[in-house]
C-alpha cells in the first residue's frame, strides 16, 4: 500500500504508517531496527532497492532522506516536507518512507527523522555517497548505533580513507571494508595452518580501489610485515600474495568469481569468492551493530607505514590515514568474527567498486 503526502508533518506520516499497516495486516513489532538512508534523487532508487533486499533478512523501517535545497533564493527559503509511505509489496515485512525535504528543512533532517524512529530499536544511518567528513558528529549520525559510508563512491577513495581514520568513532564502518570480508576469512583460514615465517605481502587490484588499501592495511597491522600494492586490470581485488621462507601463499581471483588458493607443499584448491551486491553488503553490516575493532585498527594503521612494516617507531600524529597501536611482529591474522565459511561456487552478483 502506498500513501502520498504533500506539505506534511512527522505526525501525519506516523498516522499514515498506522493506517497502512492496518490495511496490509503487517504488525510493527516484526521490525528490528530503523535504517536511515541519506541520498539524493539520482541515487535513491538503487539505495532503496539494496535496502529492500537486505530487509528480507532484517525487517526494518527504512527512512529515505532526499534533500532538495532548491536553486533560487525563494526555493531555498521555503520549508516543505513531502512523503511517500510504502507498506507491503516490495517492502516485504518492513516499512519504507521516502522523505523529500525542501528548502531550509533540508538542513534539519534530524528533526524530521527523530519522531519516525522505531521505539527501543537500534538506528543505522547509511550514506551511499557524499558522507559527512565526520559521521559521528553529524546530527543524523548522532542518532545511530551504526554509521555506514562507502569510500568507493567518492572522488578520491584513498584520501577518503584518511578522513575515515581521522574521524573514526565506535560504530563507524565502510562498505569498502565489508567487501573484503570473504578475502579476510579465506586468508585467516590459510594462516591457521602450519606455515613458515611471513616476510612480506603483496595486494593486487584495480587502481583507486579502497578495498585494496584496507586489505593491505589489515595485513600489515595483523602480521607486522611490509605490504606492497600493485595495480591490476581487475575486476576489483585480484590477488593477495603472502611471502614466506618456504614459498608463496597466493589467493588469486582473476575473473571476479572463483579464486585459487595455492600454498607451499599443498595442492591448489578453488574457493568461491564472488563480488557481492550492495544488498548483500548492507545485510552483512546489519547483522552486527557493535563496534568493529578490526576495521578501526586497520583504517587507523596508516597508509604511509605499509611499505615499512613495523620496523620503525610509530610516528606521532601522522598524515594520510591515521595510526594505531603496534602489534607484535608476525602476529597471525585473525578471522573476521562475522564471516562464514566460503560457500559453493556460483555466478557473481552485480559488480562492486
Protein backbone atom coordinates (compact mmCIF):
# COMPACT_ATOMS: atom_id res chain seq x y z
CA UNK A 1 0.00 0.00 0.00
CA UNK A 2 1.32 3.44 -0.97
CA UNK A 3 0.23 6.74 0.56
CA UNK A 4 1.45 10.07 -0.85
CA UNK A 5 1.59 13.09 1.46
CA UNK A 6 2.34 16.65 0.32
CA UNK A 7 3.38 19.51 2.62
CA UNK A 8 3.01 17.21 5.59
CA UNK A 9 4.40 16.66 9.10
CA UNK A 10 6.02 13.80 11.00
CA UNK A 11 2.79 13.29 12.96
CA UNK A 12 0.77 12.79 9.78
CA UNK A 13 3.39 10.38 8.46
CA UNK A 14 3.12 8.28 11.63
CA UNK A 15 -0.66 8.22 11.25
CA UNK A 16 -0.28 7.11 7.62
CA UNK A 17 2.06 4.30 8.71
CA UNK A 18 -0.51 3.04 11.23
CA UNK A 19 -3.25 3.20 8.59
CA UNK A 20 -1.13 1.37 6.01
CA UNK A 21 -0.13 -1.35 8.49
CA UNK A 22 -3.73 -1.99 9.44
CA UNK A 23 -4.78 -2.16 5.81
CA UNK A 24 -1.93 -4.56 4.98
CA UNK A 25 -2.15 -6.66 8.14
CA UNK A 26 1.55 -6.17 8.97
CA UNK A 27 2.42 -5.68 12.68
CA UNK A 28 5.04 -3.10 13.61
CA UNK A 29 6.56 -5.42 16.22
CA UNK A 30 8.15 -7.53 13.48
CA UNK A 31 10.74 -4.85 12.72
CA UNK A 32 14.13 -4.96 14.42
CA UNK A 33 15.74 -1.61 13.52
CA UNK A 34 15.40 1.72 11.76
CA UNK A 35 17.55 2.20 8.66
CA UNK A 36 18.06 5.82 7.62
CA UNK A 37 19.40 6.37 4.09
CA UNK A 38 20.71 9.85 3.22
CA UNK A 39 20.84 10.24 -0.56
CA UNK A 40 19.56 12.32 -3.49
CA UNK A 41 17.07 11.97 -6.32
CA UNK A 42 19.62 10.48 -8.69
CA UNK A 43 20.76 7.68 -6.38
CA UNK A 44 17.82 6.90 -4.12
CA UNK A 45 16.40 4.15 -6.36
CA UNK A 46 19.50 1.93 -6.21
CA UNK A 47 19.98 2.55 -2.48
CA UNK A 48 16.34 1.75 -1.73
CA UNK A 49 16.47 -1.40 -3.84
CA UNK A 50 19.51 -2.63 -1.89
CA UNK A 51 17.86 -1.79 1.43
CA UNK A 52 14.66 -3.60 0.43
CA UNK A 53 16.64 -6.75 -0.39
CA UNK A 54 18.53 -6.52 2.91
CA UNK A 55 15.27 -6.04 4.84
CA UNK A 56 14.24 -9.58 3.90
CA UNK A 57 16.90 -10.71 6.36
CA UNK A 58 16.50 -7.75 8.74
CA UNK A 59 12.90 -6.39 8.77
CA UNK A 60 13.25 -2.65 9.24
CA UNK A 61 11.60 0.71 8.95
CA UNK A 62 13.55 2.39 6.16
CA UNK A 63 13.58 6.18 6.08
CA UNK A 64 15.00 7.63 2.86
CA UNK A 65 16.13 11.25 3.25
CA UNK A 66 16.19 13.15 -0.05
CA UNK A 67 17.37 16.72 0.37
CA UNK A 68 16.18 19.31 -2.16
CA UNK A 69 17.77 22.61 -1.20
CA UNK A 70 16.38 24.48 -4.19
CA UNK A 71 18.14 26.63 -6.77
CA UNK A 72 16.55 30.05 -6.34
CA UNK A 73 16.64 32.15 -3.14
CA UNK A 74 12.88 31.71 -2.84
CA UNK A 75 13.13 27.91 -3.05
CA UNK A 76 15.96 27.84 -0.53
CA UNK A 77 13.98 29.97 1.94
CA UNK A 78 10.87 27.76 1.89
CA UNK A 79 10.43 24.71 4.13
CA UNK A 80 8.25 21.82 2.98
CA UNK A 81 8.11 18.11 3.68
CA UNK A 82 6.70 15.65 1.13
CA UNK A 83 6.47 11.96 1.93
CA UNK A 84 5.63 8.64 0.32
CA UNK A 85 4.67 5.81 2.67
CA UNK A 86 5.08 2.24 1.40
CA UNK A 87 3.94 -0.82 3.36
CA UNK A 88 3.72 -4.34 1.94
CA UNK A 89 4.55 -5.30 -1.63
CA UNK A 90 8.25 -4.86 -2.42
CA UNK A 91 8.98 -3.70 1.13
CA UNK A 92 8.22 -7.19 2.48
CA UNK A 93 7.60 -7.22 6.23
CA UNK A 94 9.15 -3.79 6.71
CA UNK A 95 8.10 -0.22 6.01
CA UNK A 96 9.56 2.42 3.73
CA UNK A 97 9.09 6.17 3.93
CA UNK A 98 10.57 8.48 1.29
CA UNK A 99 11.07 11.92 2.81
CA UNK A 100 11.72 14.86 0.48
CA UNK A 101 12.99 17.83 2.43
CA UNK A 102 12.63 21.11 0.53
CA UNK A 103 14.48 24.35 1.13
CA UNK A 104 15.53 25.26 4.66
CA UNK A 105 14.11 21.99 6.03
CA UNK A 106 16.92 20.09 4.28
CA UNK A 107 19.30 21.43 6.95
CA UNK A 108 17.19 19.93 9.75
CA UNK A 109 16.75 16.31 8.64
CA UNK A 110 17.35 15.02 12.17
CA UNK A 111 14.28 16.90 13.43
CA UNK A 112 12.13 15.20 10.80
CA UNK A 113 13.58 11.73 11.40
CA UNK A 114 13.50 11.70 15.21
CA UNK A 115 9.70 11.27 15.63
CA UNK A 116 9.69 8.49 13.00
CA UNK A 117 12.25 6.20 14.66
CA UNK A 118 11.03 2.86 15.98
CA UNK A 119 10.94 2.91 19.79
CA UNK A 120 13.53 0.82 21.64
CA UNK A 121 15.19 -0.30 18.39
CA UNK A 122 18.71 0.44 17.10
CA UNK A 123 19.23 3.05 14.39
CA UNK A 124 21.57 2.62 11.42
CA UNK A 125 22.44 5.53 9.12
CA UNK A 126 23.80 4.83 5.64
CA UNK A 127 25.28 7.41 3.27
CA UNK A 128 25.57 5.69 -0.17
CA UNK A 129 27.53 8.73 -1.37
CA UNK A 130 28.57 12.18 -0.11
CA UNK A 131 29.02 11.13 3.51
CA UNK A 132 29.99 13.83 6.02
CA UNK A 133 33.67 14.13 6.90
CA UNK A 134 32.85 13.14 10.49
CA UNK A 135 29.77 10.86 10.50
CA UNK A 136 29.64 10.51 14.29
CA UNK A 137 29.35 14.29 14.69
CA UNK A 138 26.66 14.64 12.05
CA UNK A 139 23.24 15.31 13.61
CA UNK A 140 21.80 12.21 11.93
CA UNK A 141 24.89 10.17 12.77
CA UNK A 142 24.47 11.03 16.46
CA UNK A 143 21.16 9.14 16.43
CA UNK A 144 22.76 5.94 15.14
CA UNK A 145 24.47 2.93 16.68
CA UNK A 146 25.96 2.13 13.26
CA UNK A 147 27.12 4.60 10.61
CA UNK A 148 27.84 3.19 7.14
CA UNK A 149 29.82 5.06 4.48
CA UNK A 150 31.32 3.99 1.14
CA UNK A 151 34.76 5.31 0.22
CA UNK A 152 34.44 3.71 -3.23
CA UNK A 153 31.66 6.19 -4.10
CA UNK A 154 33.90 9.23 -3.52
CA UNK A 155 36.09 11.11 -5.99
CA UNK A 156 39.32 10.18 -4.18
CA UNK A 157 38.74 6.88 -2.35
CA UNK A 158 42.21 6.63 -0.76
CA UNK A 159 42.10 10.18 0.56
CA UNK A 160 38.62 9.46 1.88
CA UNK A 161 40.04 6.59 3.95
CA UNK A 162 42.20 9.21 5.64
CA UNK A 163 39.07 11.13 6.62
CA UNK A 164 37.51 7.93 7.95
CA UNK A 165 40.61 7.29 10.08
CA UNK A 166 40.87 10.82 11.44
CA UNK A 167 37.18 10.94 12.39
CA UNK A 168 36.71 7.32 13.46
CA UNK A 169 34.29 6.71 16.30
CA UNK A 170 33.00 3.32 17.56
CA UNK A 171 30.09 2.35 15.32
CA UNK A 172 31.65 3.69 12.09
CA UNK A 173 32.22 1.32 9.19
CA UNK A 174 32.68 1.47 5.43
CA UNK A 175 31.43 -0.79 2.63
CA UNK A 176 34.98 -0.89 1.23
CA UNK A 177 35.82 -2.88 4.37
CA UNK A 178 32.72 -5.08 4.11
CA UNK A 179 33.72 -6.08 0.58
CA UNK A 180 36.89 -7.79 1.81
CA UNK A 181 35.25 -9.97 4.49
CA UNK A 182 35.44 -13.14 2.31
CA UNK A 183 39.10 -12.40 1.48
CA UNK A 184 39.98 -11.96 5.14
CA UNK A 185 38.13 -15.14 6.03
CA UNK A 186 40.00 -17.27 3.47
CA UNK A 187 43.39 -15.74 4.29
CA UNK A 188 42.89 -16.20 8.02
CA UNK A 189 41.91 -19.84 7.48
CA UNK A 190 45.03 -20.37 5.36
CA UNK A 191 47.23 -18.88 8.07
CA UNK A 192 45.66 -21.11 10.71
CA UNK A 193 47.57 -23.97 9.11
CA UNK A 194 51.22 -24.62 9.82
CA UNK A 195 53.49 -22.34 7.76
CA UNK A 196 56.89 -20.74 7.93
CA UNK A 197 57.53 -17.14 8.96
CA UNK A 198 55.86 -14.50 6.78
CA UNK A 199 58.31 -11.91 5.48
CA UNK A 200 56.06 -9.69 3.35
CA UNK A 201 52.85 -9.45 1.35
CA UNK A 202 51.52 -8.08 -1.93
CA UNK A 203 47.94 -6.99 -2.69
CA UNK A 204 46.88 -6.67 -6.34
CA UNK A 205 43.78 -4.90 -7.62
CA UNK A 206 42.28 -2.09 -9.65
CA UNK A 207 43.60 1.42 -9.21
CA UNK A 208 41.71 3.72 -6.83
CA UNK A 209 40.05 0.77 -5.12
CA UNK A 210 39.83 1.49 -1.37
CA UNK A 211 39.29 -2.20 -0.62
CA UNK A 212 42.86 -2.84 -1.84
CA UNK A 213 44.17 -0.32 0.67
CA UNK A 214 42.09 -1.67 3.55
CA UNK A 215 43.15 -5.26 2.90
CA UNK A 216 46.80 -4.16 2.76
CA UNK A 217 46.34 -2.19 5.98
CA UNK A 218 44.74 -5.19 7.68
CA UNK A 219 47.60 -7.49 6.67
CA UNK A 220 50.25 -5.01 7.76
CA UNK A 221 48.54 -4.36 11.09
CA UNK A 222 47.98 -8.04 11.88
CA UNK A 223 51.22 -9.53 10.52
CA UNK A 224 53.69 -6.72 11.14
CA UNK A 225 55.37 -7.05 7.72
CA UNK A 226 55.80 -4.72 4.72
CA UNK A 227 52.88 -4.85 2.29
CA UNK A 228 53.18 -3.81 -1.36
CA UNK A 229 50.22 -2.79 -3.52
CA UNK A 230 50.23 -3.49 -7.26
CA UNK A 231 47.75 -2.27 -9.86
CA UNK A 232 45.99 -4.89 -11.97
CA UNK A 233 43.24 -4.73 -14.58
CA UNK A 234 40.69 -6.05 -12.08
CA UNK A 235 37.87 -6.57 -11.60
CA UNK A 236 38.23 -5.28 -8.05
CA UNK A 237 40.72 -7.18 -5.91
CA UNK A 238 42.52 -9.82 -7.95
CA UNK A 239 45.25 -11.39 -5.79
CA UNK A 240 46.96 -11.50 -2.41
CA UNK A 241 50.44 -12.99 -2.08
CA UNK A 242 52.00 -13.76 1.30
CA UNK A 243 55.76 -14.27 1.06
CA UNK A 244 57.15 -16.92 3.41
CA UNK A 245 60.54 -18.58 3.82
CA UNK A 246 59.15 -21.78 2.27
CA UNK A 247 57.45 -20.14 -0.71
CA UNK A 248 54.41 -18.08 -1.57
CA UNK A 249 50.84 -18.35 -0.28
CA UNK A 250 48.71 -16.98 -3.12
CA UNK A 251 44.98 -16.27 -3.28
CA UNK A 252 44.28 -15.36 -6.91
CA UNK A 253 40.88 -14.30 -8.29
CA UNK A 254 41.25 -13.30 -11.92
CA UNK A 255 37.60 -13.46 -13.03
CA UNK A 256 35.81 -11.82 -10.10
CA UNK A 257 34.07 -15.06 -9.14
CA UNK A 258 36.26 -18.10 -8.49
CA UNK A 259 39.60 -17.86 -6.67
CA UNK A 260 42.53 -20.27 -6.50
CA UNK A 261 44.39 -20.76 -3.23
CA UNK A 262 47.96 -22.03 -3.61
CA UNK A 263 50.12 -22.95 -0.61
CA UNK A 264 53.64 -24.46 -0.48
CA UNK A 265 53.56 -28.24 -0.30
CA UNK A 266 49.79 -28.49 -0.81
CA UNK A 267 47.58 -28.99 -3.87
CA UNK A 268 45.81 -25.95 -5.25
CA UNK A 269 42.20 -25.53 -4.21
CA UNK A 270 39.36 -23.40 -5.59
CA UNK A 271 37.27 -21.07 -3.43
CA UNK A 272 34.04 -19.24 -4.29
CA UNK A 273 34.89 -15.55 -3.92
CA UNK A 274 32.26 -13.75 -5.97
CA UNK A 275 31.83 -9.99 -5.96
CA UNK A 276 28.83 -9.26 -3.80
CA UNK A 277 25.96 -6.87 -4.47
CA UNK A 278 25.26 -3.81 -2.33
CA UNK A 279 22.26 -5.52 -0.74
CA UNK A 280 24.49 -8.37 0.47
CA UNK A 281 26.96 -5.87 1.93
CA UNK A 282 24.23 -3.97 3.78
CA UNK A 283 22.75 -7.23 5.08
CA UNK A 284 26.15 -8.17 6.50
CA UNK A 285 26.56 -4.82 8.22
CA UNK A 286 23.12 -5.12 9.83
CA UNK A 287 23.96 -8.49 11.41
CA UNK A 288 26.23 -6.91 14.00
CA UNK A 289 25.84 -3.41 15.37
CA UNK A 290 28.69 -3.47 17.89
CA UNK A 291 31.94 -1.56 17.17
CA UNK A 292 34.15 -3.21 14.55
CA UNK A 293 37.54 -3.21 16.27
CA UNK A 294 39.30 -4.91 13.34
CA UNK A 295 38.14 -2.14 10.98
CA UNK A 296 39.23 0.53 13.45
CA UNK A 297 42.73 -0.95 13.79
CA UNK A 298 43.14 -1.34 10.02
CA UNK A 299 41.88 2.07 8.90
CA UNK A 300 43.94 3.87 11.56
CA UNK A 301 47.14 1.92 10.84
CA UNK A 302 48.46 4.40 8.26
CA UNK A 303 48.98 4.01 4.50
CA UNK A 304 52.39 5.68 4.87
CA UNK A 305 53.54 2.74 7.03
CA UNK A 306 52.65 -0.08 4.63
CA UNK A 307 55.99 -0.32 2.83
CA UNK A 308 57.95 -0.16 6.11
CA UNK A 309 56.08 -2.78 8.11
CA UNK A 310 56.62 -2.32 11.84
CA UNK A 311 60.40 -1.92 11.83
CA UNK A 312 60.35 1.73 12.90
CA UNK A 313 58.73 3.62 15.74
CA UNK A 314 55.14 4.65 15.31
CA UNK A 315 55.14 8.30 14.18
CA UNK A 316 53.44 10.92 16.31
CA UNK A 317 50.46 12.50 14.60
CA UNK A 318 50.61 11.18 11.06
CA UNK A 319 49.44 12.13 7.63
CA UNK A 320 47.03 10.42 5.27
CA UNK A 321 45.36 7.56 7.12
CA UNK A 322 45.93 7.72 10.88
CA UNK A 323 47.85 5.39 13.18
CA UNK A 324 47.02 2.53 15.53
CA UNK A 325 48.66 0.63 18.35
CA UNK A 326 51.59 -1.50 17.16
CA UNK A 327 51.00 -5.28 17.44
CA UNK A 328 53.69 -7.91 17.91
CA UNK A 329 55.64 -8.64 14.67
CA UNK A 330 54.40 -11.52 12.51
CA UNK A 331 51.20 -11.83 14.56
CA UNK A 332 48.82 -14.25 12.86
CA UNK A 333 45.81 -12.74 11.09
CA UNK A 334 42.51 -13.26 12.85
CA UNK A 335 39.40 -14.40 11.04
CA UNK A 336 36.55 -11.86 10.88
CA UNK A 337 34.10 -12.93 13.57
CA UNK A 338 31.04 -12.45 11.44
CA UNK A 339 32.45 -14.19 8.37
CA UNK A 340 31.13 -17.56 7.32
CA UNK A 341 32.89 -20.41 5.58
CA UNK A 342 33.25 -19.93 1.81
CA UNK A 343 30.11 -21.02 0.02
CA UNK A 344 29.99 -23.24 -3.08
CA UNK A 345 30.94 -21.59 -6.34
CA UNK A 346 28.18 -19.63 -8.04
CA UNK A 347 27.76 -16.88 -10.57
CA UNK A 348 28.95 -13.41 -9.49
CA UNK A 349 26.50 -10.77 -8.36
CA UNK A 350 26.39 -7.18 -9.58
CA UNK A 351 29.84 -5.61 -9.73
CA UNK A 352 31.24 -3.70 -6.81
CA UNK A 353 33.69 -0.84 -6.76
